[in-house]
Amino acid sequence: MSIDVLQEKIRKTKCPVMLELAASVSELPAHILSGASSEAEAYGRVCRELLEALKGTVPAARVSFSSFALLGPEGLVQLASILSYAKKLGYYVTLDAPEILGVRAAERTAEVVFADHSPFPCDSLILLSYLGTDCVKPFLNSCKTAKKDIFVAIRTANRSAPELQDLLAGGRLVHIAAADLVNRCAEGLSGKCGYSPVGIMSAANAPDSLRALRSKYQRLFLLVDGFSAVGANAKNCALAFDKLGHGAIVCGGGSILRASQQAESDGSDYLQQAQLCVERMRRNLLRYITIL
């Protein structure tokens, strides 16, 4: 797939919401945990059932590499299976990249994950920006030739993010300087929808940032992270979209997977609660944007 396909899926479903599959074992429904032979099996079952329940409603899924890897070898087997299953169901699939702390790790990740027969099939990767552009460049060839996308995280939703990411650096906020670097990597790569396969990820609880990013980088697709974070809401998220309601998608964070806990149910209705949560998110977002 490509960023053009993602934009078209959002347009057709009128649902600019991304399902995030990243949870601790303690957040899984108790009846599934008790009936599974391992934590990895329970996590895999929950992910599959959520993907099935939201098929055709939610256009995209985000999968956490570390959430599965921390469950051991069986977790990585489940990860590969979940990624393949999500693609089979027609989701646009993005993967939080495994830890990258240098150029060689970036090159190896690009080589493996974006390969034709990757063990971890996905349409896009989420990368960190604060290692510099030499850890982004290994992925650009796949963006050019293999219809793959990357989202480079420049502003995160955790409470202490401003300690570093909102510092002033030569008249710019640090995360805006990071976005400038990403924008250079994206030059000349716009797809049919007008957005580059090189996008950025910013925070749902940083409305001034979203407003500035949408205004300044009109060809960068925005993945809005942290909808369940303190200070995040649909009105803020709407700032990431252009006047046609295009150019962004909002990651549901833990709100969808943990919807039954938030409803204070016993977890047996977690799929229904997830569906209700997605519909609330969709309605709230469409109060502020119109997707044409």
Protein backbone atom coordinates (compact mmCIF):
# COMPACT_ATOMS: atom_id res chain seq x y z
CA MET A 1 0.00 0.00 0.00
CA SER A 2 0.99 3.66 0.06
CA ILE A 3 -0.01 6.96 1.58
CA ASP A 4 -2.43 7.37 -1.34
CA VAL A 5 -4.17 4.14 -0.34
CA LEU A 6 -4.38 5.23 3.29
CA GLN A 7 -5.91 8.56 2.31
CA GLU A 8 -8.46 6.82 0.09
CA LYS A 9 -9.40 4.39 2.86
CA ILE A 10 -10.00 7.30 5.23
CA ARG A 11 -12.09 9.07 2.60
CA LYS A 12 -14.25 6.00 1.96
CA THR A 13 -14.83 5.04 5.59
CA LYS A 14 -15.13 8.63 6.82
CA CYS A 15 -13.24 7.35 9.84
CA PRO A 16 -9.83 9.01 10.36
CA VAL A 17 -9.04 6.68 13.26
CA MET A 18 -6.14 4.25 13.64
CA LEU A 19 -6.44 1.20 15.88
CA GLU A 20 -3.39 0.81 18.12
CA LEU A 21 -2.37 -2.66 19.25
CA ALA A 22 -0.03 -1.93 22.14
CA ALA A 23 -0.90 -3.03 25.64
CA SER A 24 0.47 -4.54 28.80
CA VAL A 25 -0.78 -7.99 29.70
CA SER A 26 -2.66 -6.57 32.69
CA GLU A 27 -4.90 -4.65 30.28
CA LEU A 28 -6.14 -7.78 28.49
CA PRO A 29 -9.60 -9.16 29.32
CA ALA A 30 -9.37 -11.55 32.27
CA HIS A 31 -11.44 -14.32 30.63
CA ILE A 32 -9.05 -14.44 27.68
CA LEU A 33 -5.96 -14.48 29.87
CA SER A 34 -7.32 -17.28 32.01
CA GLY A 35 -8.19 -19.40 28.97
CA ALA A 36 -4.87 -19.02 27.15
CA SER A 37 -1.80 -21.19 27.43
CA SER A 38 0.49 -18.13 27.50
CA GLU A 39 0.40 -14.36 27.66
CA ALA A 40 1.53 -14.18 24.04
CA GLU A 41 -1.35 -16.38 22.93
CA ALA A 42 -3.84 -14.23 24.86
CA TYR A 43 -2.44 -11.03 23.37
CA GLY A 44 -2.54 -12.48 19.87
CA ARG A 45 -6.17 -13.55 20.30
CA VAL A 46 -7.24 -10.10 21.52
CA CYS A 47 -5.50 -8.42 18.59
CA ARG A 48 -7.09 -10.76 16.04
CA GLU A 49 -10.55 -10.33 17.48
CA LEU A 50 -10.24 -6.55 17.54
CA LEU A 51 -9.05 -6.54 13.93
CA GLU A 52 -12.03 -8.69 12.94
CA ALA A 53 -14.53 -6.58 14.89
CA LEU A 54 -13.34 -3.29 13.41
CA LYS A 55 -12.77 -4.47 9.85
CA GLY A 56 -14.35 -2.09 7.38
CA THR A 57 -14.84 0.58 10.02
CA VAL A 58 -11.29 1.49 10.97
CA PRO A 59 -8.97 1.92 7.96
CA ALA A 60 -5.60 1.46 9.66
CA ALA A 61 -3.88 -0.43 12.45
CA ARG A 62 -0.72 0.41 14.35
CA VAL A 63 1.20 -2.47 15.92
CA SER A 64 3.85 -2.13 18.62
CA PHE A 65 6.99 -4.19 17.97
CA SER A 66 8.13 -3.91 21.57
CA SER A 67 4.77 -4.98 23.07
CA PHE A 68 5.13 -8.32 21.30
CA ALA A 69 8.92 -8.65 21.59
CA LEU A 70 8.78 -8.28 25.37
CA LEU A 71 6.66 -11.43 25.50
CA GLY A 72 9.63 -13.45 24.24
CA PRO A 73 10.07 -15.66 21.17
CA GLU A 74 6.38 -16.60 21.06
CA GLY A 75 5.53 -12.92 21.10
CA LEU A 76 7.53 -12.34 17.92
CA VAL A 77 5.75 -15.25 16.26
CA GLN A 78 2.44 -13.65 17.22
CA LEU A 79 3.65 -10.29 15.91
CA ALA A 80 4.40 -11.71 12.46
CA SER A 81 1.02 -13.45 12.43
CA ILE A 82 -0.91 -10.33 13.50
CA LEU A 83 0.76 -8.15 10.87
CA SER A 84 -0.06 -10.66 8.13
CA TYR A 85 -3.63 -11.01 9.37
CA ALA A 86 -4.19 -7.25 9.50
CA LYS A 87 -3.01 -6.91 5.91
CA LYS A 88 -5.20 -9.85 4.85
CA LEU A 89 -8.22 -8.08 6.35
CA GLY A 90 -7.42 -4.98 4.30
CA TYR A 91 -5.99 -2.66 6.93
CA TYR A 92 -3.27 -0.17 6.21
CA VAL A 93 -0.66 -1.43 8.68
CA THR A 94 1.99 0.61 10.43
CA LEU A 95 4.62 -0.84 12.75
CA ASP A 96 6.45 0.95 15.53
CA ALA A 97 10.00 0.22 14.43
CA PRO A 98 12.26 -1.91 16.63
CA GLU A 99 14.88 0.03 18.55
CA ILE A 100 17.17 1.98 16.22
CA LEU A 101 20.21 3.59 17.84
CA GLY A 102 22.46 4.05 14.84
CA VAL A 103 22.81 3.99 11.07
CA ARG A 104 23.62 0.29 10.82
CA ALA A 105 20.50 -0.58 12.81
CA ALA A 106 18.44 1.68 10.53
CA GLU A 107 19.88 0.06 7.42
CA ARG A 108 19.23 -3.43 8.74
CA THR A 109 15.67 -2.56 9.79
CA ALA A 110 14.90 -1.10 6.38
CA GLU A 111 16.43 -4.14 4.69
CA VAL A 112 14.37 -6.64 6.69
CA VAL A 113 11.05 -4.93 7.38
CA PHE A 114 10.59 -3.41 3.92
CA ALA A 115 11.72 -6.55 2.07
CA ASP A 116 9.35 -8.21 -0.42
CA HIS A 117 8.88 -11.23 1.83
CA SER A 118 9.44 -9.60 5.20
CA PRO A 119 8.75 -11.61 8.35
CA PHE A 120 7.07 -8.44 9.62
CA PRO A 121 4.89 -7.25 6.72
CA CYS A 122 3.64 -3.68 7.01
CA ASP A 123 2.90 -0.62 4.92
CA SER A 124 4.77 1.89 7.05
CA LEU A 125 7.12 2.32 9.97
CA ILE A 126 7.18 4.82 12.81
CA LEU A 127 10.70 6.11 13.47
CA LEU A 128 12.28 8.52 15.93
CA SER A 129 13.69 11.74 14.51
CA TYR A 130 16.27 12.66 17.12
CA LEU A 131 19.07 10.51 15.71
CA GLY A 132 19.29 12.74 12.63
CA THR A 133 18.58 12.20 8.95
CA ASP A 134 21.18 9.48 8.39
CA CYS A 135 18.87 7.14 10.33
CA VAL A 136 15.92 8.17 8.13
CA LYS A 137 17.62 7.97 4.74
CA PRO A 138 17.93 4.14 4.65
CA PHE A 139 14.14 3.96 4.39
CA LEU A 140 13.72 6.47 1.57
CA ASN A 141 14.44 4.10 -1.29
CA SER A 142 11.49 1.91 -0.26
CA CYS A 143 9.34 5.05 -0.08
CA LYS A 144 10.36 5.85 -3.65
CA THR A 145 10.16 2.42 -5.25
CA ALA A 146 8.20 -0.01 -3.05
CA LYS A 147 5.15 2.06 -2.04
CA LYS A 148 6.20 2.09 1.60
CA ASP A 149 5.75 4.98 4.02
CA ILE A 150 7.44 6.25 7.16
CA PHE A 151 6.18 8.49 9.94
CA VAL A 152 8.94 10.22 11.83
CA ALA A 153 8.03 11.08 15.41
CA ILE A 154 8.90 14.72 16.09
CA ARG A 155 6.57 15.57 19.00
CA THR A 156 5.30 12.99 21.49
CA ALA A 157 2.34 13.04 23.90
CA ASN A 158 4.05 12.10 27.17
CA ARG A 159 3.96 14.77 29.89
CA SER A 160 7.69 15.48 29.92
CA ALA A 161 7.97 15.83 26.12
CA PRO A 162 8.19 19.66 26.29
CA GLU A 163 11.35 19.39 28.44
CA LEU A 164 13.29 18.67 25.26
CA GLN A 165 10.99 18.83 22.26
CA ASP A 166 9.64 22.33 22.93
CA LEU A 167 12.97 23.97 23.72
CA LEU A 168 14.01 26.89 21.57
CA ALA A 169 16.82 26.20 19.10
CA GLY A 170 17.89 29.14 16.97
CA GLY A 171 14.45 30.70 17.02
CA ARG A 172 12.64 27.42 16.38
CA LEU A 173 11.19 24.85 18.73
CA VAL A 174 13.28 21.69 18.67
CA HIS A 175 10.46 19.59 17.27
CA ILE A 176 9.89 22.11 14.48
CA ALA A 177 13.58 21.88 13.63
CA ALA A 178 13.13 18.10 13.49
CA ALA A 179 10.13 18.54 11.19
CA ASP A 180 12.23 20.76 8.91
CA LEU A 181 14.71 17.90 8.52
CA VAL A 182 11.93 15.43 7.75
CA ASN A 183 10.47 17.83 5.22
CA ARG A 184 13.80 17.90 3.36
CA CYS A 185 13.76 14.10 3.20
CA ALA A 186 10.22 14.27 1.79
CA GLU A 187 11.02 16.63 -1.07
CA GLY A 188 10.01 15.36 -4.49
CA LEU A 189 8.14 12.31 -3.15
CA SER A 190 4.51 13.45 -3.20
CA GLY A 191 1.94 10.85 -4.19
CA LYS A 192 -1.25 11.26 -6.19
CA CYS A 193 -3.10 12.58 -3.16
CA GLY A 194 -0.51 15.33 -2.77
CA TYR A 195 1.07 13.93 0.38
CA SER A 196 4.55 12.50 0.69
CA PRO A 197 5.22 8.91 1.79
CA VAL A 198 7.53 10.53 4.34
CA GLY A 199 5.25 11.87 7.07
CA ILE A 200 5.49 13.01 10.66
CA MET A 201 3.98 11.97 13.95
CA SER A 202 2.96 14.63 16.45
CA ALA A 203 0.94 14.78 19.64
CA ALA A 204 -2.82 15.08 20.08
CA ASN A 205 -2.32 17.14 23.26
CA ALA A 206 -0.14 19.78 21.57
CA PRO A 207 -2.64 21.85 19.54
CA ASP A 208 -0.26 24.74 18.84
CA SER A 209 2.17 22.25 17.35
CA LEU A 210 -0.49 20.61 15.17
CA ARG A 211 -1.66 23.99 13.91
CA ALA A 212 1.89 25.04 13.04
CA LEU A 213 2.79 21.74 11.41
CA ARG A 214 -0.32 21.65 9.21
CA SER A 215 0.22 25.24 8.14
CA LYS A 216 3.94 24.95 7.42
CA TYR A 217 4.20 21.45 5.93
CA GLN A 218 1.31 21.16 3.56
CA ARG A 219 2.64 18.01 1.86
CA LEU A 220 3.45 16.04 5.00
CA PHE A 221 0.86 13.54 6.21
CA LEU A 222 0.37 13.75 9.98
CA LEU A 223 -0.10 10.79 12.27
CA VAL A 224 -1.64 12.29 15.40
CA ASP A 225 -0.59 10.28 18.43
CA GLY A 226 -1.94 10.11 21.97
CA PHE A 227 -5.69 10.61 21.65
CA SER A 228 -6.05 9.09 25.11
CA ALA A 229 -3.37 11.36 26.62
CA VAL A 230 -4.17 14.08 29.15
CA GLY A 231 -5.10 17.27 27.29
CA ALA A 232 -5.98 15.55 24.01
CA ASN A 233 -9.37 15.94 22.36
CA ALA A 234 -11.03 15.86 18.96
CA LYS A 235 -10.93 19.64 18.55
CA ASN A 236 -7.16 19.64 18.94
CA CYS A 237 -6.74 16.70 16.57
CA ALA A 238 -8.79 18.44 13.90
CA LEU A 239 -6.00 21.00 13.53
CA ALA A 240 -3.89 18.33 11.78
CA PHE A 241 -6.30 18.04 8.83
CA ASP A 242 -6.39 20.25 5.75
CA LYS A 243 -9.48 22.08 4.50
CA LEU A 244 -10.67 18.93 2.66
CA GLY A 245 -10.41 16.84 5.79
CA HIS A 246 -7.35 15.10 4.35
CA GLY A 247 -3.72 14.69 5.34
CA ALA A 248 -3.99 13.15 8.81
CA ILE A 249 -5.11 10.18 10.86
CA VAL A 250 -5.62 9.98 14.62
CA CYS A 251 -4.22 7.06 16.59
CA GLY A 252 -6.69 5.88 19.19
CA GLY A 253 -3.94 5.04 21.66
CA GLY A 254 -5.05 2.82 24.51
CA SER A 255 -8.63 4.08 24.48
CA ILE A 256 -9.91 1.44 22.03
CA LEU A 257 -8.17 -1.60 23.47
CA ARG A 258 -9.00 -0.56 27.04
CA ALA A 259 -12.56 0.56 26.28
CA SER A 260 -14.14 -2.16 28.43
CA GLN A 261 -12.03 -1.16 31.42
CA GLN A 262 -13.06 2.45 30.97
CA ALA A 263 -16.69 1.28 30.84
CA GLU A 264 -16.03 -0.63 34.09
CA SER A 265 -17.28 -3.90 32.60
CA ASP A 266 -15.88 -7.36 33.28
CA GLY A 267 -14.19 -7.46 29.86
CA SER A 268 -16.54 -9.99 28.28
CA ASP A 269 -17.92 -7.21 26.05
CA TYR A 270 -14.54 -5.76 25.09
CA LEU A 271 -15.24 -6.00 21.35
CA GLN A 272 -18.55 -4.16 21.62
CA GLN A 273 -16.96 -1.54 23.84
CA ALA A 274 -14.14 -1.11 21.31
CA GLN A 275 -16.68 -0.58 18.53
CA LEU A 276 -18.55 2.00 20.61
CA CYS A 277 -15.27 3.77 21.41
CA VAL A 278 -14.32 4.01 17.73
CA GLU A 279 -17.75 5.37 16.84
CA ARG A 280 -17.47 8.03 19.56
CA MET A 281 -14.04 9.04 18.28
CA ARG A 282 -15.30 9.18 14.71
CA ARG A 283 -18.35 11.29 15.60
CA ASN A 284 -16.30 13.66 17.73
CA LEU A 285 -13.69 14.17 15.01
CA LEU A 286 -16.36 14.73 12.34
CA ARG A 287 -17.81 17.54 14.45
CA TYR A 288 -14.72 19.55 13.50
CA ILE A 289 -13.71 18.21 10.08
CA THR A 290 -15.53 17.28 6.90
CA ILE A 291 -13.86 14.58 4.83
CA LEU A 292 -14.48 15.25 1.14
